[in-house]
C-alpha cells in the first residue's frame, strides 16, 4: 500500500508543472524503485511489460506519459503493488511525497 501511495505522489509531482519543491527522480525516487520495484519491473524481468529501470531522469518520466499513466492507473485500482509485496517504509514514502 505504501509503495502505491509513494508512486502516485512521485509521478504526480513529476508530471505537474506546479509541483512545488523539485522532486529529482534519480535522487528521490529511483533508489526506492531499485529496492522495492526493480525485481519485478526492471531489466530482464518486466512483469506486465513495465520496465521501471528505463527511467533515469525527470525528463524520461515526462516523455513516457502513456506508460506512466498506466502505472498510476494500476496503482489506483490497487492491483499494484500485489498482495504480499514488501511495503515501503513510511519515512521513504514521506520523503518522496
Protein backbone atom coordinates (compact mmCIF):
# COMPACT_ATOMS: atom_id res chain seq x y z
CA UNK A 1 0.00 0.00 0.00
CA UNK A 2 2.72 2.45 0.95
CA UNK A 3 4.58 1.78 -2.30
CA UNK A 4 1.43 2.59 -4.28
CA UNK A 5 0.99 5.86 -2.42
CA UNK A 6 4.63 6.73 -2.98
CA UNK A 7 4.44 6.08 -6.70
CA UNK A 8 1.27 8.12 -7.08
CA UNK A 9 2.80 11.04 -5.18
CA UNK A 10 6.05 10.93 -7.10
CA UNK A 11 4.57 10.58 -10.57
CA UNK A 12 2.03 13.27 -9.80
CA UNK A 13 4.79 15.60 -8.68
CA UNK A 14 6.97 14.83 -11.68
CA UNK A 15 4.16 15.37 -14.17
CA UNK A 16 2.80 18.52 -12.56
CA UNK A 17 4.09 21.90 -13.66
CA UNK A 18 3.36 23.37 -10.22
CA UNK A 19 4.81 20.62 -8.09
CA UNK A 20 6.44 22.89 -5.52
CA UNK A 21 9.88 21.71 -4.44
CA UNK A 22 11.58 19.82 -7.23
CA UNK A 23 11.50 16.06 -6.91
CA UNK A 24 14.60 14.74 -8.61
CA UNK A 25 13.79 11.27 -9.89
CA UNK A 26 17.37 10.00 -9.83
CA UNK A 27 17.90 11.03 -6.20
CA UNK A 28 14.46 10.74 -4.59
CA UNK A 29 12.60 8.01 -6.43
CA UNK A 30 14.89 5.70 -8.37
CA UNK A 31 16.70 4.38 -5.26
CA UNK A 32 13.37 3.29 -3.77
CA UNK A 33 12.28 1.73 -7.08
CA UNK A 34 15.59 -0.14 -7.16
CA UNK A 35 14.93 -1.52 -3.68
CA UNK A 36 11.21 -2.24 -3.97
CA UNK A 37 10.21 -2.49 -7.64
CA UNK A 38 13.07 -3.46 -9.95
CA UNK A 39 12.96 -7.14 -9.00
CA UNK A 40 9.62 -7.43 -10.83
CA UNK A 41 9.70 -4.37 -13.10
CA UNK A 42 13.24 -3.97 -14.26
CA UNK A 43 15.97 -5.21 -16.52
CA UNK A 44 15.47 -8.80 -17.60
CA UNK A 45 12.21 -9.30 -15.74
CA UNK A 46 9.44 -6.89 -16.64
CA UNK A 47 6.15 -8.16 -15.34
CA UNK A 48 3.26 -6.53 -17.14
CA UNK A 49 5.72 -5.18 -19.72
CA UNK A 50 6.61 -2.39 -17.25
CA UNK A 51 10.35 -1.73 -17.06
CA UNK A 52 10.97 0.96 -14.44
CA UNK A 53 14.76 0.77 -14.95
CA UNK A 54 14.46 2.68 -18.21
CA UNK A 55 13.60 5.86 -16.31
CA UNK A 56 16.70 7.70 -15.19
CA UNK A 57 15.60 11.35 -15.05
CA UNK A 58 12.54 13.56 -14.67
CA UNK A 59 12.64 14.08 -18.43
CA UNK A 60 12.35 10.32 -19.00
CA UNK A 61 9.18 10.25 -16.88
CA UNK A 62 7.69 13.20 -18.74
CA UNK A 63 8.47 11.66 -22.15
CA UNK A 64 6.61 8.45 -21.36
CA UNK A 65 3.31 9.80 -20.04
CA UNK A 66 1.29 6.96 -21.58
CA UNK A 67 3.17 4.24 -19.71
CA UNK A 68 3.29 6.31 -16.51
CA UNK A 69 -0.48 6.83 -16.76
CA UNK A 70 -0.85 3.05 -16.99
CA UNK A 71 1.29 2.56 -13.89
CA UNK A 72 -0.74 5.15 -11.98
CA UNK A 73 -3.99 3.54 -13.13
CA UNK A 74 -2.89 0.14 -11.82
CA UNK A 75 -1.91 1.68 -8.51
CA UNK A 76 -5.25 3.46 -8.24
CA UNK A 77 -7.03 0.15 -8.93
CA UNK A 78 -5.00 -1.33 -6.08
CA UNK A 79 -3.68 -4.09 -8.31
CA UNK A 80 -0.17 -2.81 -7.65
CA UNK A 81 1.67 -3.47 -5.52
CA UNK A 82 0.36 -7.00 -5.34
CA UNK A 83 -0.67 -8.62 -2.09
CA UNK A 84 2.32 -9.98 -0.24
CA UNK A 85 4.76 -7.37 -1.56
CA UNK A 86 7.03 -5.56 0.83
CA UNK A 87 5.59 -2.11 1.52
CA UNK A 88 7.79 0.96 1.57
CA UNK A 89 8.91 2.21 4.96
CA UNK A 90 6.86 5.24 5.98
CA UNK A 91 9.93 7.53 6.12
CA UNK A 92 10.74 6.74 2.46
CA UNK A 93 7.13 7.37 1.47
CA UNK A 94 7.04 10.69 3.36
CA UNK A 95 10.30 11.88 1.83
CA UNK A 96 9.09 11.20 -1.71
CA UNK A 97 5.69 12.78 -1.15
